[in-house]
C-alpha atoms as a PDB file:
ATOM      1  CA  MET A   1     -10.065 -11.871 -11.053  1.00  0.00           C
ATOM      2  CA  SER A   2      -7.971 -11.893  -7.890  1.00  0.00           C
ATOM      3  CA  GLN A   3      -9.706 -10.368  -4.983  1.00  0.00           C
ATOM      4  CA  TYR A   4      -8.446  -9.269  -1.486  1.00  0.00           C
ATOM      5  CA  ALA A   5     -10.458  -7.519   1.321  1.00  0.00           C
ATOM      6  CA  ILE A   6      -8.542  -4.737   3.351  1.00  0.00           C
ATOM      7  CA  LYS A   7     -10.179  -4.791   6.725  1.00  0.00           C
ATOM      8  CA  LYS A   8     -10.882  -1.259   8.502  1.00  0.00           C
ATOM      9  CA  ILE A   9      -9.154  -0.681  11.857  1.00  0.00           C
ATOM     10  CA  LYS A  10      -9.529   1.938  14.313  1.00  0.00           C
ATOM     11  CA  SER A  11      -5.722   1.999  15.768  1.00  0.00           C
ATOM     12  CA  SER A  12      -2.720   3.406  13.761  1.00  0.00           C
ATOM     13  CA  ALA A  13      -0.977   0.124  15.139  1.00  0.00           C
ATOM     14  CA  PRO A  14      -2.218  -2.804  12.736  1.00  0.00           C
ATOM     15  CA  ASP A  15      -2.309  -6.419  14.583  1.00  0.00           C
ATOM     16  CA  TRP A  16      -0.611  -8.135  11.496  1.00  0.00           C
ATOM     17  CA  GLN A  17      -0.855 -10.995  13.336  1.00  0.00           C
ATOM     18  CA  VAL A  18      -5.070 -11.455  12.485  1.00  0.00           C
ATOM     19  CA  ILE A  19      -4.793  -9.881   9.055  1.00  0.00           C
ATOM     20  CA  ASP A  20      -4.795 -12.238   5.908  1.00  0.00           C
ATOM     21  CA  ALA A  21      -1.743 -11.984   3.680  1.00  0.00           C
ATOM     22  CA  ILE A  22      -1.510 -11.767  -0.206  1.00  0.00           C
ATOM     23  CA  ALA A  23       0.775 -14.238  -1.609  1.00  0.00           C
ATOM     24  CA  ILE A  24       2.791 -12.970  -4.680  1.00  0.00           C
ATOM     25  CA  ASN A  25       3.517 -16.297  -6.047  1.00  0.00           C
ATOM     26  CA  ASN A  26       2.930 -16.389  -9.706  1.00  0.00           C
ATOM     27  CA  PHE A  27       6.132 -16.457 -11.863  1.00  0.00           C
ATOM     28  CA  PRO A  28       5.020 -15.856 -15.430  1.00  0.00           C
ATOM     29  CA  TRP A  29       8.620 -14.858 -16.704  1.00  0.00           C
ATOM     30  CA  TYR A  30      10.592 -17.656 -14.336  1.00  0.00           C
ATOM     31  CA  GLN A  31      13.944 -18.573 -15.700  1.00  0.00           C
ATOM     32  CA  ALA A  32      16.085 -20.091 -12.997  1.00  0.00           C
ATOM     33  CA  GLY A  33      17.087 -20.076  -9.019  1.00  0.00           C
ATOM     34  CA  ALA A  34      14.710 -20.276  -5.993  1.00  0.00           C
ATOM     35  CA  LYS A  35      10.886 -19.170  -6.288  1.00  0.00           C
ATOM     36  CA  GLN A  36      11.079 -17.280  -2.794  1.00  0.00           C
ATOM     37  CA  ASP A  37       8.056 -16.400  -0.935  1.00  0.00           C
ATOM     38  CA  THR A  38       6.608 -12.810  -0.646  1.00  0.00           C
ATOM     39  CA  GLN A  39       3.694 -11.638   1.616  1.00  0.00           C
ATOM     40  CA  VAL A  40       1.784  -8.662   1.580  1.00  0.00           C
ATOM     41  CA  LYS A  41      -0.762  -7.668   4.220  1.00  0.00           C
ATOM     42  CA  LEU A  42      -3.065  -4.574   4.229  1.00  0.00           C
ATOM     43  CA  SER A  43      -5.412  -2.620   6.619  1.00  0.00           C
ATOM     44  CA  ALA A  44      -6.453   0.830   6.730  1.00  0.00           C
ATOM     45  CA  THR A  45      -8.293   3.353   9.035  1.00  0.00           C
ATOM     46  CA  SER A  46     -10.347   6.371   7.387  1.00  0.00           C
ATOM     47  CA  ASP A  47      -7.382   8.241   6.588  1.00  0.00           C
ATOM     48  CA  THR A  48      -4.325   5.681   6.237  1.00  0.00           C
ATOM     49  CA  LEU A  49      -3.628   2.552   4.318  1.00  0.00           C
ATOM     50  CA  PHE A  50      -1.112   0.410   6.014  1.00  0.00           C
ATOM     51  CA  ILE A  51       1.116  -2.034   4.348  1.00  0.00           C
ATOM     52  CA  GLN A  52       3.278  -4.715   5.743  1.00  0.00           C
ATOM     53  CA  ILE A  53       5.616  -6.553   3.184  1.00  0.00           C
ATOM     54  CA  ILE A  54       7.510  -9.629   4.380  1.00  0.00           C
ATOM     55  CA  ALA A  55       9.998 -10.952   1.613  1.00  0.00           C
ATOM     56  CA  GLN A  56      12.145 -14.153   1.997  1.00  0.00           C
ATOM     57  CA  ASP A  57      15.613 -13.201   0.333  1.00  0.00           C
ATOM     58  CA  ASN A  58      18.616 -15.204   0.177  1.00  0.00           C
ATOM     59  CA  TYR A  59      20.735 -12.230  -1.749  1.00  0.00           C
ATOM     60  CA  SER A  60      19.085  -9.155  -0.374  1.00  0.00           C
ATOM     61  CA  TYR A  61      20.418  -5.751  -2.131  1.00  0.00           C
ATOM     62  CA  ALA A  62      19.641  -2.333  -2.606  1.00  0.00           C
ATOM     63  CA  LYS A  63      21.637   0.445  -3.687  1.00  0.00           C
ATOM     64  CA  GLN A  64      19.164   3.321  -4.333  1.00  0.00           C
ATOM     65  CA  THR A  65      18.762   6.105  -1.463  1.00  0.00           C
ATOM     66  CA  GLU A  66      16.878   8.822  -3.360  1.00  0.00           C
ATOM     67  CA  LEU A  67      13.220   9.113  -3.359  1.00  0.00           C
ATOM     68  CA  ASN A  68      11.885   8.495  -6.700  1.00  0.00           C
ATOM     69  CA  HIS A  69      14.932   7.013  -8.172  1.00  0.00           C
ATOM     70  CA  MET A  70      14.194   5.133 -11.348  1.00  0.00           C
ATOM     71  CA  LEU A  71      16.558   2.289 -10.558  1.00  0.00           C
ATOM     72  CA  ILE A  72      14.793   1.198  -7.358  1.00  0.00           C
ATOM     73  CA  CYS A  73      13.382  -1.592  -9.538  1.00  0.00           C
ATOM     74  CA  GLN A  74      16.661  -3.146  -9.944  1.00  0.00           C
ATOM     75  CA  ASP A  75      17.056  -3.529  -6.010  1.00  0.00           C
ATOM     76  CA  SER A  76      15.514  -6.160  -4.026  1.00  0.00           C
ATOM     77  CA  CYS A  77      12.035  -4.486  -3.975  1.00  0.00           C
ATOM     78  CA  VAL A  78       8.217  -4.810  -3.951  1.00  0.00           C
ATOM     79  CA  GLU A  79       5.922  -3.001  -5.966  1.00  0.00           C
ATOM     80  CA  PHE A  80       2.308  -2.031  -5.608  1.00  0.00           C
ATOM     81  CA  PHE A  81       0.508  -0.852  -8.465  1.00  0.00           C
ATOM     82  CA  PHE A  82      -3.257   0.706  -7.938  1.00  0.00           C
ATOM     83  CA  SER A  83      -5.944   2.688  -9.173  1.00  0.00           C
ATOM     84  CA  PRO A  84      -7.404   4.723  -6.228  1.00  0.00           C
ATOM     85  CA  SER A  85      -9.944   6.052  -8.341  1.00  0.00           C
ATOM     86  CA  GLY A  86     -11.961   2.599  -7.983  1.00  0.00           C
ATOM     87  CA  VAL A  87     -12.277   2.654 -12.053  1.00  0.00           C
ATOM     88  CA  LEU A  88     -10.778  -0.266 -13.792  1.00  0.00           C
ATOM     89  CA  GLY A  89      -8.494   1.204 -16.544  1.00  0.00           C
ATOM     90  CA  SER A  90      -8.228   4.629 -14.946  1.00  0.00           C
ATOM     91  CA  SER A  91      -4.677   6.122 -14.157  1.00  0.00           C
ATOM     92  CA  TYR A  92      -2.754   4.274 -11.610  1.00  0.00           C
ATOM     93  CA  VAL A  93       0.019   4.904  -8.918  1.00  0.00           C
ATOM     94  CA  ASN A  94       3.081   2.678  -8.923  1.00  0.00           C
ATOM     95  CA  LEU A  95       4.605   2.346  -5.476  1.00  0.00           C
ATOM     96  CA  GLU A  96       7.881   0.770  -5.425  1.00  0.00           C
ATOM     97  CA  VAL A  97       9.824   0.213  -2.194  1.00  0.00           C
ATOM     98  CA  ASN A  98      13.578  -1.436  -1.684  1.00  0.00           C
ATOM     99  CA  CYS A  99      14.554  -3.632   0.970  1.00  0.00           C
ATOM    100  CA  CYS A 100      15.733  -0.480   3.033  1.00  0.00           C
ATOM    101  CA  GLY A 101      12.547   1.529   2.509  1.00  0.00           C
ATOM    102  CA  THR A 102      13.444   3.798  -0.468  1.00  0.00           C
ATOM    103  CA  LEU A 103      10.538   4.898  -2.262  1.00  0.00           C
ATOM    104  CA  HIS A 104       9.329   5.664  -5.699  1.00  0.00           C
ATOM    105  CA  LEU A 105       5.458   6.866  -6.448  1.00  0.00           C
ATOM    106  CA  ALA A 106       4.391   8.103  -9.650  1.00  0.00           C
ATOM    107  CA  TYR A 107       1.147   8.570 -10.992  1.00  0.00           C
ATOM    108  CA  GLY A 108      -0.344   8.567 -14.745  1.00  0.00           C
ATOM    109  CA  ALA A 109      -2.677   6.508 -17.286  1.00  0.00           C
ATOM    110  CA  GLY A 110       0.536   4.304 -18.707  1.00  0.00           C
ATOM    111  CA  ARG A 111       4.200   3.766 -18.444  1.00  0.00           C
ATOM    112  CA  ASP A 112       5.081   7.294 -20.145  1.00  0.00           C
ATOM    113  CA  LYS A 113       4.857  10.804 -18.820  1.00  0.00           C
ATOM    114  CA  ARG A 114       4.445   9.577 -15.104  1.00  0.00           C
ATOM    115  CA  GLN A 115       3.950  12.315 -12.305  1.00  0.00           C
ATOM    116  CA  PHE A 116       6.194  11.886  -9.368  1.00  0.00           C
ATOM    117  CA  ILE A 117       5.353  12.152  -5.771  1.00  0.00           C
ATOM    118  CA  SER A 118       6.574  15.316  -4.334  1.00  0.00           C
ATOM    119  CA  ARG A 119       8.776  15.737  -1.506  1.00  0.00           C
ATOM    120  CA  GLU A 120       6.060  17.453   0.509  1.00  0.00           C
ATOM    121  CA  ALA A 121       3.757  14.707  -0.106  1.00  0.00           C
ATOM    122  CA  ALA A 122       6.229  11.908   0.365  1.00  0.00           C
ATOM    123  CA  SER A 123       7.088  13.396   3.730  1.00  0.00           C
ATOM    124  CA  LEU A 124       3.680  12.481   5.150  1.00  0.00           C
ATOM    125  CA  ILE A 125       4.540   8.777   4.334  1.00  0.00           C
ATOM    126  CA  GLN A 126       6.192   6.696   7.089  1.00  0.00           C
ATOM    127  CA  CYS A 127       8.168   3.759   6.131  1.00  0.00           C
ATOM    128  CA  GLU A 128      10.400   1.367   8.171  1.00  0.00           C
ATOM    129  CA  SER A 129      12.774  -1.861   7.303  1.00  0.00           C
ATOM    130  CA  SER A 130      13.658  -4.732   9.375  1.00  0.00           C
ATOM    131  CA  LEU A 131      17.176  -4.526   8.139  1.00  0.00           C
ATOM    132  CA  ASN A 132      19.955  -3.236  10.149  1.00  0.00           C
ATOM    133  CA  LEU A 133      21.311  -0.642   7.835  1.00  0.00           C
ATOM    134  CA  ASP A 134      24.531   1.799   7.750  1.00  0.00           C
ATOM    135  CA  MET A 135      22.808   5.095   8.748  1.00  0.00           C
ATOM    136  CA  ASP A 136      25.221   6.854   6.352  1.00  0.00           C
ATOM    137  CA  SER A 137      24.493   5.319   3.452  1.00  0.00           C
ATOM    138  CA  GLN A 138      21.425   3.214   3.607  1.00  0.00           C
ATOM    139  CA  VAL A 139      22.458   0.493   1.143  1.00  0.00           C
ATOM    140  CA  LYS A 140      22.504  -3.015   1.284  1.00  0.00           C
ATOM    141  CA  PHE A 141      24.799  -5.716  -0.091  1.00  0.00           C
ATOM    142  CA  GLU A 142      24.294  -9.653  -0.312  1.00  0.00           C
ATOM    143  CA  SER A 143      25.344 -11.488   2.686  1.00  0.00           C
ATOM    144  CA  GLU A 144      25.633 -15.145   3.784  1.00  0.00           C
ATOM    145  CA  ASN A 145      23.247 -14.130   6.388  1.00  0.00           C
ATOM    146  CA  ASP A 146      20.453 -12.890   4.418  1.00  0.00           C
ATOM    147  CA  LYS A 147      17.051 -14.679   5.033  1.00  0.00           C
ATOM    148  CA  GLU A 148      14.335 -12.202   4.565  1.00  0.00           C
ATOM    149  CA  TRP A 149      13.266  -8.509   5.076  1.00  0.00           C
ATOM    150  CA  THR A 150      10.284  -6.557   6.129  1.00  0.00           C
ATOM    151  CA  VAL A 151       9.110  -3.131   5.172  1.00  0.00           C
ATOM    152  CA  GLU A 152       6.265  -1.433   6.721  1.00  0.00           C
ATOM    153  CA  ILE A 153       4.382   1.462   5.405  1.00  0.00           C
ATOM    154  CA  ALA A 154       1.736   3.814   6.410  1.00  0.00           C
ATOM    155  CA  LEU A 155       0.472   5.811   3.354  1.00  0.00           C
ATOM    156  CA  PRO A 156      -1.941   8.426   4.154  1.00  0.00           C
ATOM    157  CA  PHE A 157      -4.664   9.067   1.567  1.00  0.00           C
ATOM    158  CA  ALA A 158      -3.824  12.501   1.669  1.00  0.00           C
ATOM    159  CA  ALA A 159      -0.452  11.793   0.278  1.00  0.00           C
ATOM    160  CA  ILE A 160      -1.972   9.825  -2.547  1.00  0.00           C
ATOM    161  CA  GLU A 161      -4.705  12.754  -3.206  1.00  0.00           C
ATOM    162  CA  GLN A 162      -1.938  15.201  -3.446  1.00  0.00           C
ATOM    163  CA  LEU A 163       0.129  12.919  -5.960  1.00  0.00           C
ATOM    164  CA  THR A 164      -3.151  12.234  -7.955  1.00  0.00           C
ATOM    165  CA  GLY A 165      -5.212  15.653  -7.687  1.00  0.00           C
ATOM    166  CA  GLU A 166      -8.279  13.229  -6.967  1.00  0.00           C
ATOM    167  CA  ASP A 167     -10.205  11.994  -3.985  1.00  0.00           C
ATOM    168  CA  VAL A 168      -9.429   8.404  -3.214  1.00  0.00           C
ATOM    169  CA  ASN A 169     -12.071   5.756  -3.480  1.00  0.00           C
ATOM    170  CA  LYS A 170     -12.532   4.202  -0.067  1.00  0.00           C
ATOM    171  CA  GLY A 171     -14.435   1.388  -1.290  1.00  0.00           C
ATOM    172  CA  LYS A 172     -12.655  -0.324  -3.876  1.00  0.00           C
ATOM    173  CA  TRP A 173      -9.433  -0.366  -5.937  1.00  0.00           C
ATOM    174  CA  PHE A 174      -7.955  -2.108  -8.763  1.00  0.00           C
ATOM    175  CA  ALA A 175      -4.378  -3.379  -8.250  1.00  0.00           C
ATOM    176  CA  ASN A 176      -1.382  -5.455  -8.450  1.00  0.00           C
ATOM    177  CA  PHE A 177       1.538  -6.512  -6.367  1.00  0.00           C
ATOM    178  CA  TYR A 178       5.312  -7.587  -7.660  1.00  0.00           C
ATOM    179  CA  ARG A 179       8.396  -9.006  -6.595  1.00  0.00           C
ATOM    180  CA  CYS A 180      11.592  -8.172  -8.628  1.00  0.00           C
ATOM    181  CA  GLY A 181      15.193  -6.449  -8.542  1.00  0.00           C
ATOM    182  CA  GLY A 182      18.130  -7.768  -7.110  1.00  0.00           C
ATOM    183  CA  ARG A 183      21.406  -8.950  -8.494  1.00  0.00           C
ATOM    184  CA  THR A 184      20.837 -12.473  -7.719  1.00  0.00           C
ATOM    185  CA  GLU A 185      17.890 -14.704  -8.467  1.00  0.00           C
ATOM    186  CA  PRO A 186      15.645 -11.728  -9.585  1.00  0.00           C
ATOM    187  CA  GLN A 187      12.165 -12.857  -8.832  1.00  0.00           C
ATOM    188  CA  TYR A 188       9.772 -11.396 -11.229  1.00  0.00           C
ATOM    189  CA  ALA A 189       6.609 -12.872  -9.426  1.00  0.00           C
ATOM    190  CA  VAL A 190       3.242 -11.183  -9.523  1.00  0.00           C
ATOM    191  CA  TRP A 191      -0.068 -11.320  -7.301  1.00  0.00           C
ATOM    192  CA  HIS A 192      -2.643 -11.364 -10.436  1.00  0.00           C
ATOM    193  CA  ASN A 193      -0.949 -13.084 -13.131  1.00  0.00           C
ATOM    194  CA  ILE A 194       0.149 -11.160 -16.232  1.00  0.00           C
ATOM    195  CA  ALA A 195      -0.029 -13.216 -19.543  1.00  0.00           C
ATOM    196  CA  VAL A 196       2.491 -11.189 -21.579  1.00  0.00           C
ATOM    197  CA  PRO A 197       5.687 -12.751 -22.657  1.00  0.00           C
ATOM    198  CA  GLU A 198       8.157 -10.117 -21.145  1.00  0.00           C
ATOM    199  CA  PRO A 199       8.497  -8.784 -17.835  1.00  0.00           C
ATOM    200  CA  ASP A 200       5.817  -5.802 -18.143  1.00  0.00           C
ATOM    201  CA  TYR A 201       4.397  -4.425 -14.584  1.00  0.00           C
ATOM    202  CA  HIS A 202       2.556  -1.411 -16.271  1.00  0.00           C
ATOM    203  CA  ARG A 203      -0.610  -3.758 -17.224  1.00  0.00           C
ATOM    204  CA  PRO A 204      -3.625  -2.385 -15.533  1.00  0.00           C
ATOM    205  CA  GLU A 205      -5.750  -4.768 -17.410  1.00  0.00           C
ATOM    206  CA  HIS A 206      -4.186  -7.449 -15.396  1.00  0.00           C
ATOM    207  CA  PHE A 207      -5.130  -5.856 -11.784  1.00  0.00           C
ATOM    208  CA  GLY A 208      -6.955  -7.436  -9.363  1.00  0.00           C
ATOM    209  CA  THR A 209      -9.389  -5.863  -6.967  1.00  0.00           C
ATOM    210  CA  LEU A 210      -9.202  -4.575  -3.183  1.00  0.00           C
ATOM    211  CA  VAL A 211     -12.219  -4.168  -1.383  1.00  0.00           C
ATOM    212  CA  PHE A 212     -12.387  -2.110   1.912  1.00  0.00           C
ATOM    213  CA  ILE A 213     -14.669  -3.861   4.217  1.00  0.00           C
END
């Protein structure tokens, strides 16, 4: 099983240069095109999880601008599914973020009847994208200058607890990371491999392990 150690820090400004990366480099549903590099780094204080995403992307695309929009997964995006209870097989959160920084967070035991994060809880989350965006539209269309994008997220445990109604386990989570979306060369890459015939990220039985140290 894939495992990653989340180092606890004292500052709210992680030094990403000294933090190890997760490589989202399994392509169980590969069809064609470039297998582009995607890395995620994690660190945490006592009350916040910090996430840095660096995605090589020759065709960066994002259309969705609304919190919890169901089609963020069709934009250039990275998804983070995790069970914050620390119990394998328990209900899980799916956090999806497109290259412009638009978020989707939901919680439940499976793909159906999921509970979406409230605007109040989402307002606690900080999310910044490296892309130079049109401040009126917050959308992104493919450009010949596209190379990569970075998104950094500060996710307070309090926001997760408002969504789930349960305390966060600050010792161990079960989780997986995914790269998908975009209109050209969709990636469909995963961290911990998923052995099913069609793209399907709602597979908590294929989660790896995150350990807070």
